[in-house]
Amino acid sequence: MNLEKVVFGFFVTLAATLNFGFFIGDISDPQLHNEYELFAAVVVNLIATVLKFGDRTQIGAVHLATSLVADLQLIAATVFWVFAAHVSSAGLTAGATASIVSLSGGALLANVVSLVLLVIETSSFRRS
């Protein structure tokens, strides 16, 4: 068993599950979307991105691209949350929450693509 592949698969899967956990629920209800879960999703996605550097294959490039998309959208969601909760006079409204959750949904889609690529890559691996 290759420990590097185990760690890689762990972080890719954890990134997707944390993102899914934040995304699930009524899109406009801030009570159902925890800011700490969003923070954890950002951190784990960034770790997964770092683990994807160095793979010089075509599938590795697509892995990295999906991870960068997820990072960008999750960071945008976090910035939007901080702005809405701490800067905006309106606070964290239903509309702001919907925008934040929508951004995390885009990141979730990128994470699902990454998981599909991981499964395809794993299933096409042949032992010699």
N, C-alpha and C. Protein backbone atom coordinates (compact mmCIF):
# COMPACT_ATOMS: atom_id res chain seq x y z
N MET A 1 0.85 -1.17 0.00
CA MET A 1 0.00 0.00 0.00
C MET A 1 0.89 1.24 0.00
N ASN A 2 0.59 2.18 -0.85
CA ASN A 2 1.36 3.40 -0.99
C ASN A 2 0.79 4.47 -0.05
N LEU A 3 1.54 4.82 0.99
CA LEU A 3 1.06 5.78 1.99
C LEU A 3 0.77 7.15 1.38
N GLU A 4 1.56 7.55 0.40
CA GLU A 4 1.34 8.84 -0.26
C GLU A 4 -0.03 8.89 -0.94
N LYS A 5 -0.41 7.79 -1.59
CA LYS A 5 -1.72 7.72 -2.25
C LYS A 5 -2.85 7.69 -1.23
N VAL A 6 -2.62 7.06 -0.09
CA VAL A 6 -3.63 7.02 0.98
C VAL A 6 -3.87 8.44 1.51
N VAL A 7 -2.81 9.16 1.79
CA VAL A 7 -2.93 10.53 2.29
C VAL A 7 -3.60 11.42 1.26
N PHE A 8 -3.21 11.28 0.01
CA PHE A 8 -3.81 12.05 -1.07
C PHE A 8 -5.31 11.79 -1.17
N GLY A 9 -5.69 10.51 -1.21
CA GLY A 9 -7.11 10.15 -1.27
C GLY A 9 -7.87 10.61 -0.06
N PHE A 10 -7.24 10.55 1.11
CA PHE A 10 -7.88 11.00 2.35
C PHE A 10 -8.23 12.48 2.27
N PHE A 11 -7.28 13.31 1.87
CA PHE A 11 -7.53 14.75 1.83
C PHE A 11 -8.50 15.15 0.73
N VAL A 12 -8.45 14.48 -0.41
CA VAL A 12 -9.40 14.77 -1.49
C VAL A 12 -10.82 14.44 -1.02
N THR A 13 -10.98 13.27 -0.38
CA THR A 13 -12.30 12.86 0.11
C THR A 13 -12.76 13.74 1.27
N LEU A 14 -11.87 14.07 2.19
CA LEU A 14 -12.23 14.92 3.32
C LEU A 14 -12.64 16.31 2.85
N ALA A 15 -11.93 16.84 1.85
CA ALA A 15 -12.29 18.15 1.30
C ALA A 15 -13.72 18.14 0.76
N ALA A 16 -14.05 17.09 0.03
CA ALA A 16 -15.40 16.99 -0.55
C ALA A 16 -16.46 16.83 0.54
N THR A 17 -16.19 16.01 1.54
CA THR A 17 -17.20 15.77 2.57
C THR A 17 -17.41 16.99 3.46
N LEU A 18 -16.34 17.71 3.79
CA LEU A 18 -16.50 18.94 4.57
C LEU A 18 -17.28 19.98 3.78
N ASN A 19 -16.97 20.09 2.50
CA ASN A 19 -17.68 21.02 1.64
C ASN A 19 -19.16 20.65 1.56
N PHE A 20 -19.44 19.36 1.40
CA PHE A 20 -20.82 18.89 1.35
C PHE A 20 -21.55 19.19 2.66
N GLY A 21 -20.87 18.97 3.78
CA GLY A 21 -21.48 19.25 5.08
C GLY A 21 -21.86 20.71 5.24
N PHE A 22 -21.04 21.60 4.73
CA PHE A 22 -21.37 23.03 4.80
C PHE A 22 -22.50 23.36 3.84
N PHE A 23 -22.51 22.75 2.66
CA PHE A 23 -23.45 23.09 1.60
C PHE A 23 -24.88 22.62 1.90
N ILE A 24 -25.02 21.48 2.55
CA ILE A 24 -26.33 20.86 2.73
C ILE A 24 -27.19 21.70 3.68
N GLY A 25 -28.46 21.80 3.36
CA GLY A 25 -29.41 22.55 4.18
C GLY A 25 -30.05 23.68 3.41
N ASP A 26 -31.02 24.33 4.02
CA ASP A 26 -31.70 25.45 3.39
C ASP A 26 -30.68 26.52 3.01
N ILE A 27 -30.68 26.88 1.73
CA ILE A 27 -29.65 27.76 1.19
C ILE A 27 -29.63 29.14 1.85
N SER A 28 -30.75 29.59 2.39
CA SER A 28 -30.81 30.95 2.91
C SER A 28 -30.83 31.02 4.44
N ASP A 29 -30.72 29.90 5.12
CA ASP A 29 -30.77 29.89 6.59
C ASP A 29 -29.35 29.84 7.17
N PRO A 30 -28.86 30.96 7.71
CA PRO A 30 -27.49 30.96 8.24
C PRO A 30 -27.28 30.02 9.42
N GLN A 31 -28.36 29.63 10.10
CA GLN A 31 -28.24 28.72 11.23
C GLN A 31 -27.80 27.31 10.80
N LEU A 32 -28.03 26.98 9.55
CA LEU A 32 -27.72 25.64 9.05
C LEU A 32 -26.33 25.52 8.42
N HIS A 33 -25.62 26.64 8.35
CA HIS A 33 -24.31 26.66 7.70
C HIS A 33 -23.29 27.25 8.66
N ASN A 34 -22.46 26.39 9.22
CA ASN A 34 -21.52 26.78 10.26
C ASN A 34 -20.25 27.37 9.68
N GLU A 35 -19.85 28.53 10.19
CA GLU A 35 -18.64 29.19 9.67
C GLU A 35 -17.37 28.38 9.93
N TYR A 36 -17.36 27.60 11.01
CA TYR A 36 -16.18 26.79 11.30
C TYR A 36 -16.05 25.62 10.31
N GLU A 37 -17.18 25.12 9.87
CA GLU A 37 -17.15 24.07 8.85
C GLU A 37 -16.65 24.62 7.52
N LEU A 38 -17.05 25.86 7.20
CA LEU A 38 -16.54 26.52 6.00
C LEU A 38 -15.03 26.72 6.12
N PHE A 39 -14.58 27.16 7.28
CA PHE A 39 -13.14 27.35 7.51
C PHE A 39 -12.38 26.03 7.36
N ALA A 40 -12.94 24.96 7.94
CA ALA A 40 -12.29 23.65 7.82
C ALA A 40 -12.24 23.20 6.36
N ALA A 41 -13.32 23.46 5.62
CA ALA A 41 -13.34 23.10 4.20
C ALA A 41 -12.25 23.85 3.44
N VAL A 42 -12.06 25.13 3.75
CA VAL A 42 -11.02 25.92 3.09
C VAL A 42 -9.64 25.34 3.39
N VAL A 43 -9.38 25.08 4.66
CA VAL A 43 -8.06 24.58 5.07
C VAL A 43 -7.76 23.23 4.43
N VAL A 44 -8.72 22.31 4.48
CA VAL A 44 -8.48 20.98 3.93
C VAL A 44 -8.35 21.05 2.41
N ASN A 45 -9.13 21.90 1.74
CA ASN A 45 -8.98 22.08 0.29
C ASN A 45 -7.60 22.62 -0.06
N LEU A 46 -7.09 23.55 0.74
CA LEU A 46 -5.74 24.08 0.49
C LEU A 46 -4.68 23.00 0.66
N ILE A 47 -4.85 22.15 1.68
CA ILE A 47 -3.92 21.04 1.88
C ILE A 47 -3.98 20.08 0.69
N ALA A 48 -5.20 19.77 0.23
CA ALA A 48 -5.36 18.88 -0.93
C ALA A 48 -4.70 19.50 -2.16
N THR A 49 -4.80 20.82 -2.31
CA THR A 49 -4.16 21.49 -3.45
C THR A 49 -2.65 21.32 -3.41
N VAL A 50 -2.07 21.51 -2.25
CA VAL A 50 -0.62 21.37 -2.10
C VAL A 50 -0.19 19.94 -2.45
N LEU A 51 -0.99 18.96 -2.05
CA LEU A 51 -0.66 17.56 -2.34
C LEU A 51 -0.73 17.25 -3.83
N LYS A 52 -1.47 18.05 -4.59
CA LYS A 52 -1.63 17.81 -6.02
C LYS A 52 -0.50 18.42 -6.86
N PHE A 53 0.32 19.28 -6.25
CA PHE A 53 1.46 19.83 -6.97
C PHE A 53 2.48 18.74 -7.21
N GLY A 54 3.15 18.79 -8.33
CA GLY A 54 4.23 17.85 -8.62
C GLY A 54 3.84 16.70 -9.52
N ASP A 55 2.54 16.43 -9.64
CA ASP A 55 2.10 15.37 -10.55
C ASP A 55 2.14 15.92 -11.97
N ARG A 56 2.97 15.37 -12.81
CA ARG A 56 3.19 15.90 -14.15
C ARG A 56 2.32 15.24 -15.23
N THR A 57 1.35 14.44 -14.81
CA THR A 57 0.48 13.78 -15.78
C THR A 57 -0.69 14.69 -16.15
N GLN A 58 -1.39 14.33 -17.22
CA GLN A 58 -2.56 15.10 -17.64
C GLN A 58 -3.66 15.04 -16.57
N ILE A 59 -3.88 13.87 -16.01
CA ILE A 59 -4.91 13.75 -14.97
C ILE A 59 -4.50 14.52 -13.72
N GLY A 60 -3.20 14.59 -13.46
CA GLY A 60 -2.70 15.39 -12.34
C GLY A 60 -2.96 16.87 -12.55
N ALA A 61 -2.83 17.32 -13.79
CA ALA A 61 -3.11 18.73 -14.11
C ALA A 61 -4.59 19.04 -13.91
N VAL A 62 -5.45 18.12 -14.29
CA VAL A 62 -6.89 18.34 -14.09
C VAL A 62 -7.23 18.28 -12.61
N HIS A 63 -6.61 17.37 -11.86
CA HIS A 63 -6.77 17.34 -10.40
C HIS A 63 -6.42 18.70 -9.80
N LEU A 64 -5.29 19.24 -10.19
CA LEU A 64 -4.85 20.53 -9.67
C LEU A 64 -5.83 21.64 -10.07
N ALA A 65 -6.29 21.62 -11.30
CA ALA A 65 -7.23 22.64 -11.76
C ALA A 65 -8.53 22.60 -10.96
N THR A 66 -9.06 21.40 -10.71
CA THR A 66 -10.30 21.31 -9.94
C THR A 66 -10.08 21.79 -8.51
N SER A 67 -8.94 21.50 -7.97
CA SER A 67 -8.63 21.93 -6.62
C SER A 67 -8.49 23.45 -6.54
N LEU A 68 -7.87 24.05 -7.54
CA LEU A 68 -7.73 25.51 -7.56
C LEU A 68 -9.10 26.19 -7.69
N VAL A 69 -9.99 25.60 -8.49
CA VAL A 69 -11.35 26.14 -8.61
C VAL A 69 -12.06 26.07 -7.26
N ALA A 70 -11.97 24.93 -6.59
CA ALA A 70 -12.61 24.78 -5.28
C ALA A 70 -12.03 25.78 -4.28
N ASP A 71 -10.70 25.94 -4.28
CA ASP A 71 -10.07 26.91 -3.37
C ASP A 71 -10.57 28.31 -3.63
N LEU A 72 -10.60 28.70 -4.89
CA LEU A 72 -11.04 30.05 -5.26
C LEU A 72 -12.47 30.30 -4.79
N GLN A 73 -13.35 29.34 -5.03
CA GLN A 73 -14.75 29.55 -4.64
C GLN A 73 -14.94 29.52 -3.13
N LEU A 74 -14.23 28.66 -2.44
CA LEU A 74 -14.35 28.62 -0.98
C LEU A 74 -13.75 29.86 -0.32
N ILE A 75 -12.65 30.35 -0.87
CA ILE A 75 -12.07 31.58 -0.33
C ILE A 75 -13.00 32.75 -0.60
N ALA A 76 -13.60 32.80 -1.78
CA ALA A 76 -14.58 33.85 -2.08
C ALA A 76 -15.77 33.77 -1.13
N ALA A 77 -16.25 32.56 -0.84
CA ALA A 77 -17.36 32.39 0.10
C ALA A 77 -16.97 32.87 1.50
N THR A 78 -15.74 32.58 1.91
CA THR A 78 -15.27 33.01 3.23
C THR A 78 -15.15 34.53 3.30
N VAL A 79 -14.61 35.14 2.27
CA VAL A 79 -14.50 36.61 2.23
C VAL A 79 -15.89 37.23 2.27
N PHE A 80 -16.81 36.67 1.52
CA PHE A 80 -18.18 37.16 1.49
C PHE A 80 -18.81 37.04 2.88
N TRP A 81 -18.57 35.91 3.57
CA TRP A 81 -19.11 35.69 4.91
C TRP A 81 -18.56 36.74 5.88
N VAL A 82 -17.25 36.94 5.85
CA VAL A 82 -16.63 37.92 6.75
C VAL A 82 -17.18 39.31 6.47
N PHE A 83 -17.31 39.67 5.20
CA PHE A 83 -17.85 40.98 4.85
C PHE A 83 -19.28 41.13 5.35
N ALA A 84 -20.12 40.12 5.08
CA ALA A 84 -21.53 40.20 5.46
C ALA A 84 -21.70 40.23 6.98
N ALA A 85 -20.94 39.42 7.68
CA ALA A 85 -21.12 39.30 9.13
C ALA A 85 -20.46 40.42 9.92
N HIS A 86 -19.35 40.97 9.42
CA HIS A 86 -18.57 41.92 10.23
C HIS A 86 -18.44 43.31 9.66
N VAL A 87 -18.71 43.50 8.37
CA VAL A 87 -18.53 44.81 7.76
C VAL A 87 -19.87 45.42 7.35
N SER A 88 -20.69 44.64 6.72
CA SER A 88 -21.98 45.13 6.21
C SER A 88 -22.91 45.51 7.37
N SER A 89 -23.62 46.60 7.20
CA SER A 89 -24.57 47.02 8.23
C SER A 89 -25.79 46.11 8.27
N ALA A 90 -26.08 45.43 7.17
CA ALA A 90 -27.24 44.53 7.12
C ALA A 90 -26.97 43.22 7.85
N GLY A 91 -25.72 42.86 7.99
CA GLY A 91 -25.38 41.60 8.66
C GLY A 91 -25.50 40.41 7.72
N LEU A 92 -25.54 39.25 8.32
CA LEU A 92 -25.61 38.00 7.56
C LEU A 92 -27.08 37.72 7.23
N THR A 93 -27.53 38.25 6.13
CA THR A 93 -28.93 38.10 5.71
C THR A 93 -29.13 36.78 4.97
N ALA A 94 -30.39 36.50 4.68
CA ALA A 94 -30.72 35.28 3.91
C ALA A 94 -30.09 35.35 2.51
N GLY A 95 -30.10 36.54 1.91
CA GLY A 95 -29.51 36.70 0.58
C GLY A 95 -28.01 36.50 0.60
N ALA A 96 -27.36 37.04 1.61
CA ALA A 96 -25.91 36.86 1.73
C ALA A 96 -25.57 35.39 1.96
N THR A 97 -26.35 34.73 2.81
CA THR A 97 -26.12 33.31 3.07
C THR A 97 -26.31 32.50 1.79
N ALA A 98 -27.32 32.85 1.01
CA ALA A 98 -27.56 32.14 -0.25
C ALA A 98 -26.36 32.29 -1.19
N SER A 99 -25.78 33.47 -1.25
CA SER A 99 -24.60 33.68 -2.10
C SER A 99 -23.41 32.86 -1.60
N ILE A 100 -23.22 32.84 -0.31
CA ILE A 100 -22.11 32.08 0.28
C ILE A 100 -22.27 30.59 0.00
N VAL A 101 -23.48 30.07 0.22
CA VAL A 101 -23.74 28.65 0.01
C VAL A 101 -23.64 28.31 -1.48
N SER A 102 -24.06 29.22 -2.35
CA SER A 102 -23.93 28.99 -3.79
C SER A 102 -22.47 28.87 -4.21
N LEU A 103 -21.62 29.72 -3.66
CA LEU A 103 -20.19 29.63 -3.96
C LEU A 103 -19.62 28.29 -3.47
N SER A 104 -20.05 27.87 -2.29
CA SER A 104 -19.56 26.57 -1.79
C SER A 104 -20.11 25.43 -2.63
N GLY A 105 -21.28 25.61 -3.25
CA GLY A 105 -21.82 24.60 -4.16
C GLY A 105 -20.97 24.43 -5.40
N GLY A 106 -20.45 25.53 -5.91
CA GLY A 106 -19.53 25.45 -7.04
C GLY A 106 -18.26 24.72 -6.66
N ALA A 107 -17.76 25.00 -5.46
CA ALA A 107 -16.58 24.29 -4.97
C ALA A 107 -16.88 22.81 -4.78
N LEU A 108 -18.08 22.51 -4.32
CA LEU A 108 -18.48 21.11 -4.14
C LEU A 108 -18.47 20.38 -5.48
N LEU A 109 -18.97 21.03 -6.52
CA LEU A 109 -18.95 20.41 -7.84
C LEU A 109 -17.51 20.12 -8.29
N ALA A 110 -16.61 21.07 -8.06
CA ALA A 110 -15.20 20.86 -8.40
C ALA A 110 -14.62 19.70 -7.59
N ASN A 111 -14.99 19.59 -6.32
CA ASN A 111 -14.52 18.49 -5.49
C ASN A 111 -15.07 17.14 -5.97
N VAL A 112 -16.31 17.13 -6.44
CA VAL A 112 -16.89 15.89 -6.96
C VAL A 112 -16.14 15.46 -8.22
N VAL A 113 -15.82 16.42 -9.09
CA VAL A 113 -15.03 16.10 -10.29
C VAL A 113 -13.69 15.50 -9.88
N SER A 114 -13.07 16.08 -8.87
CA SER A 114 -11.79 15.56 -8.38
C SER A 114 -11.94 14.14 -7.84
N LEU A 115 -13.03 13.88 -7.12
CA LEU A 115 -13.27 12.53 -6.61
C LEU A 115 -13.48 11.53 -7.75
N VAL A 116 -14.21 11.94 -8.76
CA VAL A 116 -14.44 11.06 -9.92
C VAL A 116 -13.11 10.76 -10.61
N LEU A 117 -12.28 11.78 -10.77
CA LEU A 117 -10.96 11.55 -11.36
C LEU A 117 -10.12 10.59 -10.52
N LEU A 118 -10.21 10.73 -9.20
CA LEU A 118 -9.46 9.85 -8.30
C LEU A 118 -9.93 8.41 -8.45
N VAL A 119 -11.23 8.20 -8.54
CA VAL A 119 -11.77 6.85 -8.71
C VAL A 119 -11.35 6.28 -10.06
N ILE A 120 -11.43 7.09 -11.12
CA ILE A 120 -11.01 6.62 -12.45
C ILE A 120 -9.54 6.27 -12.45
N GLU A 121 -8.74 7.14 -11.86
CA GLU A 121 -7.30 6.90 -11.81
C GLU A 121 -6.98 5.63 -11.02
N THR A 122 -7.68 5.44 -9.91
CA THR A 122 -7.45 4.27 -9.07
C THR A 122 -7.89 2.99 -9.77
N SER A 123 -9.04 3.04 -10.44
CA SER A 123 -9.54 1.83 -11.09
C SER A 123 -8.73 1.46 -12.33
N SER A 124 -8.05 2.42 -12.92
CA SER A 124 -7.25 2.11 -14.10
C SER A 124 -5.83 1.66 -13.73
N PHE A 125 -5.49 1.69 -12.44
CA PHE A 125 -4.16 1.29 -12.00
C PHE A 125 -4.04 -0.24 -12.08
N ARG A 126 -2.94 -0.68 -12.65
CA ARG A 126 -2.69 -2.13 -12.77
C ARG A 126 -1.40 -2.47 -12.02
N ARG A 127 -1.50 -3.53 -11.27
CA ARG A 127 -0.30 -4.01 -10.57
C ARG A 127 0.56 -4.80 -11.54
N SER A 128 1.87 -4.63 -11.39
CA SER A 128 2.76 -5.40 -12.27
C SER A 128 3.38 -6.57 -11.58
